[in-house]
Amino acid sequence: MDHPERQLRQYRLDTFARHRARVEVLVVLASLLAYFGVRAITEGSEDLALRNAERVVRLQEHLLLDWDMSLNQSVVEHTRLITVFNWIYTWGHWPVIFFCGIYLFVRFPRVYYRTRNAFLVSGAIGLVIFATFPVAPPRLTDLDVVDTVTRWSTSYRFLQPVALTNQYAAMPSLHFGWNLLIAVALVQVLRTPTLRILAGVFPLAMAAAVVITANHFVIDAIVGGMIALLGLVAAIWFERSPHGWEIYRRLVPASGISEGTIPARPGPDQHPPRVTTRRGSQSRGGK
């Protein structure tokens, strides 16, 4: 039988974890509704979005980054490659973020909160850009590209309905940027070299997918990655500030602060250490 103090402490940790999970679900749902709601209602005009897309194309030509058409045309004749990149674009974003978020929340809360805050900051920056600088994706311009997701896949609209979609939110590509944040978090916490390599490679696959499927320009992915990393820098700064540390200390049990993990439930064979003292070793004081 476990020590009564340990049982009480574990009960408090379990109760706290359940409360923290409920609060976090509400925070995430509210953030997603705000993000997609604002993104949908701030959709810019088509003419302005197409003009801005032309500006992006000219900038890419100046920077020698005009790879959009060549990358798209390199796969349209290969059915299997189209399927692979469509699946990466569709199922490699929100489902990956969802399950990795749960894993980080349960096992590595400190990394989770840092990543979540980076999402919030980069998402807010993205919304400002969507509203003030709408950009049409390559698939809606005059470029000779094929919209592979719309033509050969129906699952994307299941994950993201048209009502919550801003057609002119190509710049920046948070589709890539947020996958980059998840990869950074996983590389920090995973211990198996193979898994860390896979985590590091995956955002590169997403960067290729967003361009090959004609949903983003090359520079959209670059800017999306930069904004995501800017959000991460802001999250780290907040975490290290006295106010941020105090908030984090309240969110994560004290015994898990050093490793950033919630302590595991004690097993049946684990017992508290015994402390023995000699009788008469303490003086009563006085003269």
C-alpha atoms as a PDB file:
ATOM      1  CA  MET A   1       0.000   0.000   0.000  1.00  0.00           C
ATOM      2  CA  ASP A   2       1.274   3.454  -0.902  1.00  0.00           C
ATOM      3  CA  HIS A   3       2.097   5.990   1.708  1.00  0.00           C
ATOM      4  CA  PRO A   4      -0.976   8.196   2.477  1.00  0.00           C
ATOM      5  CA  GLU A   5       0.942  11.371   1.632  1.00  0.00           C
ATOM      6  CA  ARG A   6       1.935   9.962  -1.743  1.00  0.00           C
ATOM      7  CA  GLN A   7      -1.625   8.906  -2.466  1.00  0.00           C
ATOM      8  CA  LEU A   8      -2.887  12.373  -1.611  1.00  0.00           C
ATOM      9  CA  ARG A   9      -0.219  13.998  -3.763  1.00  0.00           C
ATOM     10  CA  GLN A  10      -1.027  11.730  -6.706  1.00  0.00           C
ATOM     11  CA  TYR A  11      -4.733  12.449  -6.310  1.00  0.00           C
ATOM     12  CA  ARG A  12      -4.028  16.172  -6.422  1.00  0.00           C
ATOM     13  CA  LEU A  13      -1.843  15.753  -9.511  1.00  0.00           C
ATOM     14  CA  ASP A  14      -4.531  13.716 -11.283  1.00  0.00           C
ATOM     15  CA  THR A  15      -7.227  16.248 -10.400  1.00  0.00           C
ATOM     16  CA  PHE A  16      -5.015  19.102 -11.529  1.00  0.00           C
ATOM     17  CA  ALA A  17      -4.196  17.326 -14.806  1.00  0.00           C
ATOM     18  CA  ARG A  18      -7.876  16.798 -15.601  1.00  0.00           C
ATOM     19  CA  HIS A  19      -8.649  20.447 -14.876  1.00  0.00           C
ATOM     20  CA  ARG A  20      -5.689  21.575 -16.967  1.00  0.00           C
ATOM     21  CA  ALA A  21      -6.847  19.391 -19.866  1.00  0.00           C
ATOM     22  CA  ARG A  22     -10.367  20.835 -19.781  1.00  0.00           C
ATOM     23  CA  VAL A  23      -9.050  24.387 -19.734  1.00  0.00           C
ATOM     24  CA  GLU A  24      -6.646  23.679 -22.588  1.00  0.00           C
ATOM     25  CA  VAL A  25      -9.383  22.158 -24.746  1.00  0.00           C
ATOM     26  CA  LEU A  26     -11.411  25.343 -24.319  1.00  0.00           C
ATOM     27  CA  VAL A  27      -8.381  27.531 -25.120  1.00  0.00           C
ATOM     28  CA  VAL A  28      -7.537  25.564 -28.272  1.00  0.00           C
ATOM     29  CA  LEU A  29     -11.139  25.466 -29.520  1.00  0.00           C
ATOM     30  CA  ALA A  30     -11.600  29.199 -28.929  1.00  0.00           C
ATOM     31  CA  SER A  31      -8.309  29.937 -30.714  1.00  0.00           C
ATOM     32  CA  LEU A  32      -9.239  27.772 -33.710  1.00  0.00           C
ATOM     33  CA  LEU A  33     -12.691  29.315 -34.018  1.00  0.00           C
ATOM     34  CA  ALA A  34     -11.201  32.804 -33.808  1.00  0.00           C
ATOM     35  CA  TYR A  35      -8.474  31.975 -36.327  1.00  0.00           C
ATOM     36  CA  PHE A  36     -10.721  30.409 -38.960  1.00  0.00           C
ATOM     37  CA  GLY A  37     -13.564  32.841 -38.310  1.00  0.00           C
ATOM     38  CA  VAL A  38     -11.405  35.937 -38.721  1.00  0.00           C
ATOM     39  CA  ARG A  39      -9.577  34.339 -41.641  1.00  0.00           C
ATOM     40  CA  ALA A  40     -12.884  33.663 -43.413  1.00  0.00           C
ATOM     41  CA  ILE A  41     -14.484  37.079 -42.876  1.00  0.00           C
ATOM     42  CA  THR A  42     -11.331  39.033 -43.804  1.00  0.00           C
ATOM     43  CA  GLU A  43     -11.034  37.500 -47.257  1.00  0.00           C
ATOM     44  CA  GLY A  44      -9.674  40.207 -49.556  1.00  0.00           C
ATOM     45  CA  SER A  45     -10.971  41.139 -52.980  1.00  0.00           C
ATOM     46  CA  GLU A  46     -10.106  38.885 -55.907  1.00  0.00           C
ATOM     47  CA  ASP A  47      -8.559  41.674 -57.979  1.00  0.00           C
ATOM     48  CA  LEU A  48      -6.265  42.769 -55.144  1.00  0.00           C
ATOM     49  CA  ALA A  49      -5.310  39.176 -54.354  1.00  0.00           C
ATOM     50  CA  LEU A  50      -4.396  38.508 -57.987  1.00  0.00           C
ATOM     51  CA  ARG A  51      -2.361  41.718 -58.221  1.00  0.00           C
ATOM     52  CA  ASN A  52      -0.484  40.789 -55.051  1.00  0.00           C
ATOM     53  CA  ALA A  53       0.129  37.322 -56.482  1.00  0.00           C
ATOM     54  CA  GLU A  54       1.733  38.954 -59.520  1.00  0.00           C
ATOM     55  CA  ARG A  55       3.963  40.941 -57.185  1.00  0.00           C
ATOM     56  CA  VAL A  56       4.983  37.716 -55.440  1.00  0.00           C
ATOM     57  CA  VAL A  57       5.773  36.091 -58.792  1.00  0.00           C
ATOM     58  CA  ARG A  58       7.971  39.025 -59.818  1.00  0.00           C
ATOM     59  CA  LEU A  59       9.754  38.963 -56.450  1.00  0.00           C
ATOM     60  CA  GLN A  60      10.415  35.238 -56.822  1.00  0.00           C
ATOM     61  CA  GLU A  61      11.816  35.781 -60.314  1.00  0.00           C
ATOM     62  CA  HIS A  62      14.117  38.465 -58.931  1.00  0.00           C
ATOM     63  CA  LEU A  63      15.268  36.106 -56.149  1.00  0.00           C
ATOM     64  CA  LEU A  64      15.532  33.121 -58.525  1.00  0.00           C
ATOM     65  CA  LEU A  65      12.874  31.283 -56.537  1.00  0.00           C
ATOM     66  CA  ASP A  66      10.323  30.871 -59.348  1.00  0.00           C
ATOM     67  CA  TRP A  67      10.114  27.085 -59.044  1.00  0.00           C
ATOM     68  CA  ASP A  68       6.327  26.824 -58.723  1.00  0.00           C
ATOM     69  CA  MET A  69       5.432  25.729 -62.237  1.00  0.00           C
ATOM     70  CA  SER A  70       8.400  23.385 -62.659  1.00  0.00           C
ATOM     71  CA  LEU A  71       7.725  21.608 -59.354  1.00  0.00           C
ATOM     72  CA  ASN A  72       4.019  21.284 -60.098  1.00  0.00           C
ATOM     73  CA  GLN A  73       4.528  20.043 -63.646  1.00  0.00           C
ATOM     74  CA  SER A  74       7.138  17.537 -62.488  1.00  0.00           C
ATOM     75  CA  VAL A  75       4.496  15.432 -60.713  1.00  0.00           C
ATOM     76  CA  VAL A  76       1.232  15.922 -62.615  1.00  0.00           C
ATOM     77  CA  GLU A  77       2.073  13.063 -64.944  1.00  0.00           C
ATOM     78  CA  HIS A  78       2.819  10.691 -62.070  1.00  0.00           C
ATOM     79  CA  THR A  79      -0.310   9.478 -60.301  1.00  0.00           C
ATOM     80  CA  ARG A  80       1.497   7.967 -57.333  1.00  0.00           C
ATOM     81  CA  LEU A  81       3.493  11.109 -56.649  1.00  0.00           C
ATOM     82  CA  ILE A  82       0.335  13.197 -56.858  1.00  0.00           C
ATOM     83  CA  THR A  83      -1.319  10.929 -54.296  1.00  0.00           C
ATOM     84  CA  VAL A  84       1.684  11.113 -51.961  1.00  0.00           C
ATOM     85  CA  PHE A  85       1.883  14.915 -51.983  1.00  0.00           C
ATOM     86  CA  ASN A  86      -1.897  15.322 -51.774  1.00  0.00           C
ATOM     87  CA  TRP A  87      -1.890  13.097 -48.688  1.00  0.00           C
ATOM     88  CA  ILE A  88       1.019  14.990 -47.141  1.00  0.00           C
ATOM     89  CA  TYR A  89      -0.761  18.299 -47.738  1.00  0.00           C
ATOM     90  CA  THR A  90      -4.122  17.048 -46.437  1.00  0.00           C
ATOM     91  CA  TRP A  91      -3.392  14.555 -43.670  1.00  0.00           C
ATOM     92  CA  GLY A  92       0.055  15.772 -42.693  1.00  0.00           C
ATOM     93  CA  HIS A  93      -1.191  19.052 -41.248  1.00  0.00           C
ATOM     94  CA  TRP A  94      -4.175  19.179 -38.866  1.00  0.00           C
ATOM     95  CA  PRO A  95      -4.173  15.474 -37.924  1.00  0.00           C
ATOM     96  CA  VAL A  96      -0.426  15.617 -37.205  1.00  0.00           C
ATOM     97  CA  ILE A  97      -0.797  18.812 -35.173  1.00  0.00           C
ATOM     98  CA  PHE A  98      -3.708  17.294 -33.228  1.00  0.00           C
ATOM     99  CA  PHE A  99      -2.044  14.025 -32.212  1.00  0.00           C
ATOM    100  CA  CYS A 100       1.393  15.539 -31.627  1.00  0.00           C
ATOM    101  CA  GLY A 101      -0.240  18.256 -29.523  1.00  0.00           C
ATOM    102  CA  ILE A 102      -1.872  15.637 -27.300  1.00  0.00           C
ATOM    103  CA  TYR A 103       1.437  13.775 -26.968  1.00  0.00           C
ATOM    104  CA  LEU A 104       3.307  16.937 -25.979  1.00  0.00           C
ATOM    105  CA  PHE A 105       0.538  18.034 -23.606  1.00  0.00           C
ATOM    106  CA  VAL A 106       0.581  14.738 -21.714  1.00  0.00           C
ATOM    107  CA  ARG A 107       4.297  13.958 -21.731  1.00  0.00           C
ATOM    108  CA  PHE A 108       6.082  17.305 -22.128  1.00  0.00           C
ATOM    109  CA  PRO A 109       3.832  20.140 -20.954  1.00  0.00           C
ATOM    110  CA  ARG A 110       6.563  22.745 -20.897  1.00  0.00           C
ATOM    111  CA  VAL A 111       7.363  22.113 -24.581  1.00  0.00           C
ATOM    112  CA  TYR A 112       3.640  21.974 -25.316  1.00  0.00           C
ATOM    113  CA  TYR A 113       2.894  25.402 -23.827  1.00  0.00           C
ATOM    114  CA  ARG A 114       5.877  26.932 -25.575  1.00  0.00           C
ATOM    115  CA  THR A 115       4.736  25.499 -28.918  1.00  0.00           C
ATOM    116  CA  ARG A 116       1.118  26.461 -28.320  1.00  0.00           C
ATOM    117  CA  ASN A 117       2.125  30.058 -27.585  1.00  0.00           C
ATOM    118  CA  ALA A 118       4.237  30.087 -30.747  1.00  0.00           C
ATOM    119  CA  PHE A 119       1.121  28.980 -32.662  1.00  0.00           C
ATOM    120  CA  LEU A 120      -0.920  31.792 -31.135  1.00  0.00           C
ATOM    121  CA  VAL A 121       1.648  34.497 -31.910  1.00  0.00           C
ATOM    122  CA  SER A 122       2.345  33.347 -35.477  1.00  0.00           C
ATOM    123  CA  GLY A 123      -1.376  32.849 -36.117  1.00  0.00           C
ATOM    124  CA  ALA A 124      -2.114  36.415 -35.011  1.00  0.00           C
ATOM    125  CA  ILE A 125       0.619  37.751 -37.305  1.00  0.00           C
ATOM    126  CA  GLY A 126      -0.749  35.613 -40.132  1.00  0.00           C
ATOM    127  CA  LEU A 127      -4.265  37.005 -39.687  1.00  0.00           C
ATOM    128  CA  VAL A 128      -2.964  40.564 -39.985  1.00  0.00           C
ATOM    129  CA  ILE A 129      -1.183  39.698 -43.238  1.00  0.00           C
ATOM    130  CA  PHE A 130      -4.199  37.802 -44.625  1.00  0.00           C
ATOM    131  CA  ALA A 131      -6.357  40.882 -44.053  1.00  0.00           C
ATOM    132  CA  THR A 132      -3.910  43.547 -45.281  1.00  0.00           C
ATOM    133  CA  PHE A 133      -2.048  41.695 -48.038  1.00  0.00           C
ATOM    134  CA  PRO A 134      -4.350  39.047 -49.595  1.00  0.00           C
ATOM    135  CA  VAL A 135      -2.556  36.805 -52.075  1.00  0.00           C
ATOM    136  CA  ALA A 136      -4.161  34.341 -54.461  1.00  0.00           C
ATOM    137  CA  PRO A 137      -2.511  30.901 -54.552  1.00  0.00           C
ATOM    138  CA  PRO A 138      -0.847  29.734 -57.773  1.00  0.00           C
ATOM    139  CA  ARG A 139      -3.839  27.512 -58.614  1.00  0.00           C
ATOM    140  CA  LEU A 140      -6.075  30.616 -58.933  1.00  0.00           C
ATOM    141  CA  THR A 141      -3.677  32.607 -61.098  1.00  0.00           C
ATOM    142  CA  ASP A 142      -2.775  32.442 -64.783  1.00  0.00           C
ATOM    143  CA  LEU A 143       0.272  30.293 -64.079  1.00  0.00           C
ATOM    144  CA  ASP A 144       0.394  26.969 -65.901  1.00  0.00           C
ATOM    145  CA  VAL A 145      -0.176  24.832 -62.810  1.00  0.00           C
ATOM    146  CA  VAL A 146      -2.670  22.126 -61.844  1.00  0.00           C
ATOM    147  CA  ASP A 147      -4.693  22.190 -58.617  1.00  0.00           C
ATOM    148  CA  THR A 148      -3.901  18.600 -57.655  1.00  0.00           C
ATOM    149  CA  VAL A 149      -5.861  18.588 -54.385  1.00  0.00           C
ATOM    150  CA  THR A 150      -9.121  19.799 -55.937  1.00  0.00           C
ATOM    151  CA  ARG A 151      -8.780  17.583 -59.001  1.00  0.00           C
ATOM    152  CA  TRP A 152      -7.711  14.323 -57.360  1.00  0.00           C
ATOM    153  CA  SER A 153      -8.699  14.547 -53.692  1.00  0.00           C
ATOM    154  CA  THR A 154     -11.914  15.183 -51.757  1.00  0.00           C
ATOM    155  CA  SER A 155     -10.691  14.683 -48.200  1.00  0.00           C
ATOM    156  CA  TYR A 156      -9.261  18.189 -47.739  1.00  0.00           C
ATOM    157  CA  ARG A 157     -12.684  19.838 -47.767  1.00  0.00           C
ATOM    158  CA  PHE A 158     -13.748  17.355 -45.117  1.00  0.00           C
ATOM    159  CA  LEU A 159     -11.000  18.625 -42.811  1.00  0.00           C
ATOM    160  CA  GLN A 160     -11.473  22.286 -43.734  1.00  0.00           C
ATOM    161  CA  PRO A 161     -14.942  23.238 -45.039  1.00  0.00           C
ATOM    162  CA  VAL A 162     -15.271  25.940 -47.679  1.00  0.00           C
ATOM    163  CA  ALA A 163     -17.112  28.204 -45.217  1.00  0.00           C
ATOM    164  CA  LEU A 164     -13.940  28.418 -43.093  1.00  0.00           C
ATOM    165  CA  THR A 165     -11.581  28.859 -46.017  1.00  0.00           C
ATOM    166  CA  ASN A 166     -10.007  32.108 -47.161  1.00  0.00           C
ATOM    167  CA  GLN A 167      -9.108  31.558 -50.808  1.00  0.00           C
ATOM    168  CA  TYR A 168      -6.675  34.468 -50.738  1.00  0.00           C
ATOM    169  CA  ALA A 169      -4.584  33.535 -47.697  1.00  0.00           C
ATOM    170  CA  ALA A 170      -1.605  32.069 -49.535  1.00  0.00           C
ATOM    171  CA  MET A 171       0.864  34.432 -47.854  1.00  0.00           C
ATOM    172  CA  PRO A 172       2.224  33.305 -45.419  1.00  0.00           C
ATOM    173  CA  SER A 173       2.016  29.519 -45.533  1.00  0.00           C
ATOM    174  CA  LEU A 174       1.284  28.547 -41.952  1.00  0.00           C
ATOM    175  CA  HIS A 175       0.478  25.146 -43.400  1.00  0.00           C
ATOM    176  CA  PHE A 176       4.260  24.804 -43.516  1.00  0.00           C
ATOM    177  CA  GLY A 177       5.121  27.118 -40.631  1.00  0.00           C
ATOM    178  CA  TRP A 178       3.055  25.269 -38.042  1.00  0.00           C
ATOM    179  CA  ASN A 179       4.405  21.912 -39.175  1.00  0.00           C
ATOM    180  CA  LEU A 180       7.855  23.401 -38.647  1.00  0.00           C
ATOM    181  CA  LEU A 181       6.931  24.299 -35.049  1.00  0.00           C
ATOM    182  CA  ILE A 182       5.719  20.757 -34.400  1.00  0.00           C
ATOM    183  CA  ALA A 183       8.965  19.395 -35.837  1.00  0.00           C
ATOM    184  CA  VAL A 184      11.057  21.665 -33.600  1.00  0.00           C
ATOM    185  CA  ALA A 185       9.118  20.454 -30.555  1.00  0.00           C
ATOM    186  CA  LEU A 186       9.435  16.774 -31.482  1.00  0.00           C
ATOM    187  CA  VAL A 187      13.155  17.012 -32.148  1.00  0.00           C
ATOM    188  CA  GLN A 188      13.565  18.372 -28.619  1.00  0.00           C
ATOM    189  CA  VAL A 189      11.689  15.570 -26.885  1.00  0.00           C
ATOM    190  CA  LEU A 190      12.254  12.455 -28.989  1.00  0.00           C
ATOM    191  CA  ARG A 191      15.192  10.288 -27.997  1.00  0.00           C
ATOM    192  CA  THR A 192      15.354   7.833 -30.908  1.00  0.00           C
ATOM    193  CA  PRO A 193      17.646   9.195 -33.663  1.00  0.00           C
ATOM    194  CA  THR A 194      15.453   7.754 -36.423  1.00  0.00           C
ATOM    195  CA  LEU A 195      12.333   9.453 -35.075  1.00  0.00           C
ATOM    196  CA  ARG A 196      14.178  12.740 -34.677  1.00  0.00           C
ATOM    197  CA  ILE A 197      15.349  12.561 -38.279  1.00  0.00           C
ATOM    198  CA  LEU A 198      11.815  11.819 -39.481  1.00  0.00           C
ATOM    199  CA  ALA A 199      10.491  14.733 -37.443  1.00  0.00           C
ATOM    200  CA  GLY A 200      13.101  17.021 -38.969  1.00  0.00           C
ATOM    201  CA  VAL A 201      12.441  15.872 -42.527  1.00  0.00           C
ATOM    202  CA  PHE A 202       8.657  16.064 -42.366  1.00  0.00           C
ATOM    203  CA  PRO A 203       8.320  19.886 -42.604  1.00  0.00           C
ATOM    204  CA  LEU A 204      10.555  19.759 -45.682  1.00  0.00           C
ATOM    205  CA  ALA A 205       8.097  17.304 -47.214  1.00  0.00           C
ATOM    206  CA  MET A 206       5.259  19.681 -46.321  1.00  0.00           C
ATOM    207  CA  ALA A 207       7.143  22.620 -47.890  1.00  0.00           C
ATOM    208  CA  ALA A 208       7.395  20.617 -51.113  1.00  0.00           C
ATOM    209  CA  ALA A 209       3.723  19.581 -50.876  1.00  0.00           C
ATOM    210  CA  VAL A 210       2.306  23.098 -50.489  1.00  0.00           C
ATOM    211  CA  VAL A 211       4.160  24.193 -53.631  1.00  0.00           C
ATOM    212  CA  ILE A 212       3.671  21.047 -55.726  1.00  0.00           C
ATOM    213  CA  THR A 213      -0.095  21.054 -55.073  1.00  0.00           C
ATOM    214  CA  ALA A 214      -0.198  24.706 -56.294  1.00  0.00           C
ATOM    215  CA  ASN A 215      -1.608  25.988 -52.998  1.00  0.00           C
ATOM    216  CA  HIS A 216       1.336  28.238 -52.159  1.00  0.00           C
ATOM    217  CA  PHE A 217       4.235  29.993 -53.799  1.00  0.00           C
ATOM    218  CA  VAL A 218       7.758  29.108 -52.744  1.00  0.00           C
ATOM    219  CA  ILE A 219       8.153  32.418 -50.951  1.00  0.00           C
ATOM    220  CA  ASP A 220       4.890  31.797 -49.043  1.00  0.00           C
ATOM    221  CA  ALA A 221       6.526  28.800 -47.367  1.00  0.00           C
ATOM    222  CA  ILE A 222       9.680  30.762 -46.592  1.00  0.00           C
ATOM    223  CA  VAL A 223       7.747  33.618 -45.001  1.00  0.00           C
ATOM    224  CA  GLY A 224       5.510  31.141 -43.153  1.00  0.00           C
ATOM    225  CA  GLY A 225       8.560  29.466 -41.652  1.00  0.00           C
ATOM    226  CA  MET A 226      10.046  32.809 -40.621  1.00  0.00           C
ATOM    227  CA  ILE A 227       6.823  33.925 -38.928  1.00  0.00           C
ATOM    228  CA  ALA A 228       6.488  30.577 -37.140  1.00  0.00           C
ATOM    229  CA  LEU A 229      10.040  30.878 -35.804  1.00  0.00           C
ATOM    230  CA  LEU A 230       9.342  34.477 -34.781  1.00  0.00           C
ATOM    231  CA  GLY A 231       6.381  33.167 -32.804  1.00  0.00           C
ATOM    232  CA  LEU A 232       8.652  30.600 -31.184  1.00  0.00           C
ATOM    233  CA  VAL A 233      11.156  33.282 -30.186  1.00  0.00           C
ATOM    234  CA  ALA A 234       8.324  35.296 -28.633  1.00  0.00           C
ATOM    235  CA  ALA A 235       7.074  32.198 -26.784  1.00  0.00           C
ATOM    236  CA  ILE A 236      10.552  31.476 -25.395  1.00  0.00           C
ATOM    237  CA  TRP A 237      10.948  35.094 -24.305  1.00  0.00           C
ATOM    238  CA  PHE A 238       7.590  34.966 -22.525  1.00  0.00           C
ATOM    239  CA  GLU A 239       8.476  31.660 -20.878  1.00  0.00           C
ATOM    240  CA  ARG A 240      11.719  33.087 -19.511  1.00  0.00           C
ATOM    241  CA  SER A 241      10.147  36.300 -18.260  1.00  0.00           C
ATOM    242  CA  PRO A 242       9.221  36.404 -14.540  1.00  0.00           C
ATOM    243  CA  HIS A 243       5.519  36.717 -15.354  1.00  0.00           C
ATOM    244  CA  GLY A 244       5.609  33.885 -17.881  1.00  0.00           C
ATOM    245  CA  TRP A 245       7.503  31.587 -15.526  1.00  0.00           C
ATOM    246  CA  GLU A 246       4.989  32.237 -12.770  1.00  0.00           C
ATOM    247  CA  ILE A 247       2.124  31.288 -15.107  1.00  0.00           C
ATOM    248  CA  TYR A 248       3.962  28.168 -16.218  1.00  0.00           C
ATOM    249  CA  ARG A 249       4.727  27.190 -12.627  1.00  0.00           C
ATOM    250  CA  ARG A 250       1.001  27.205 -11.935  1.00  0.00           C
ATOM    251  CA  LEU A 251       0.225  25.130 -15.029  1.00  0.00           C
ATOM    252  CA  VAL A 252       2.751  22.358 -14.483  1.00  0.00           C
ATOM    253  CA  PRO A 253       3.114  20.404 -11.215  1.00  0.00           C
ATOM    254  CA  ALA A 254       6.197  21.491  -9.292  1.00  0.00           C
ATOM    255  CA  SER A 255       7.844  18.083  -9.457  1.00  0.00           C
ATOM    256  CA  GLY A 256       7.685  18.162 -13.242  1.00  0.00           C
ATOM    257  CA  ILE A 257       9.226  21.571 -13.825  1.00  0.00           C
ATOM    258  CA  SER A 258      12.818  20.490 -14.184  1.00  0.00           C
ATOM    259  CA  GLU A 259      12.159  17.944 -16.948  1.00  0.00           C
ATOM    260  CA  GLY A 260       9.000  19.567 -18.283  1.00  0.00           C
ATOM    261  CA  THR A 261       7.006  16.409 -17.730  1.00  0.00           C
ATOM    262  CA  ILE A 262       4.180  15.344 -15.474  1.00  0.00           C
ATOM    263  CA  PRO A 263       5.395  12.728 -12.989  1.00  0.00           C
ATOM    264  CA  ALA A 264       4.200   9.234 -13.772  1.00  0.00           C
ATOM    265  CA  ARG A 265       1.809   7.452 -11.452  1.00  0.00           C
ATOM    266  CA  PRO A 266       3.782   5.424  -8.861  1.00  0.00           C
ATOM    267  CA  GLY A 267       3.874   1.725  -9.593  1.00  0.00           C
ATOM    268  CA  PRO A 268       2.885  -0.964  -7.090  1.00  0.00           C
ATOM    269  CA  ASP A 269       6.525  -1.712  -6.314  1.00  0.00           C
ATOM    270  CA  GLN A 270       7.477   1.904  -5.689  1.00  0.00           C
ATOM    271  CA  HIS A 271       7.555   3.031  -2.070  1.00  0.00           C
ATOM    272  CA  PRO A 272       8.643   6.264  -0.445  1.00  0.00           C
ATOM    273  CA  PRO A 273      12.165   6.232   0.951  1.00  0.00           C
ATOM    274  CA  ARG A 274      12.441   5.403   4.626  1.00  0.00           C
ATOM    275  CA  VAL A 275      14.023   8.006   6.839  1.00  0.00           C
ATOM    276  CA  THR A 276      15.498   6.721  10.096  1.00  0.00           C
ATOM    277  CA  THR A 277      16.789   8.770  12.968  1.00  0.00           C
ATOM    278  CA  ARG A 278      18.559   7.807  16.158  1.00  0.00           C
ATOM    279  CA  ARG A 279      16.784   8.355  19.383  1.00  0.00           C
ATOM    280  CA  GLY A 280      18.189  11.111  21.428  1.00  0.00           C
ATOM    281  CA  SER A 281      20.058  12.589  18.477  1.00  0.00           C
ATOM    282  CA  GLN A 282      18.104  15.819  18.805  1.00  0.00           C
ATOM    283  CA  SER A 283      18.586  17.970  21.852  1.00  0.00           C
ATOM    284  CA  ARG A 284      15.624  19.499  23.537  1.00  0.00           C
ATOM    285  CA  GLY A 285      17.342  22.829  23.966  1.00  0.00           C
ATOM    286  CA  GLY A 286      17.542  24.967  27.114  1.00  0.00           C
ATOM    287  CA  LYS A 287      20.141  24.940  29.837  1.00  0.00           C
END
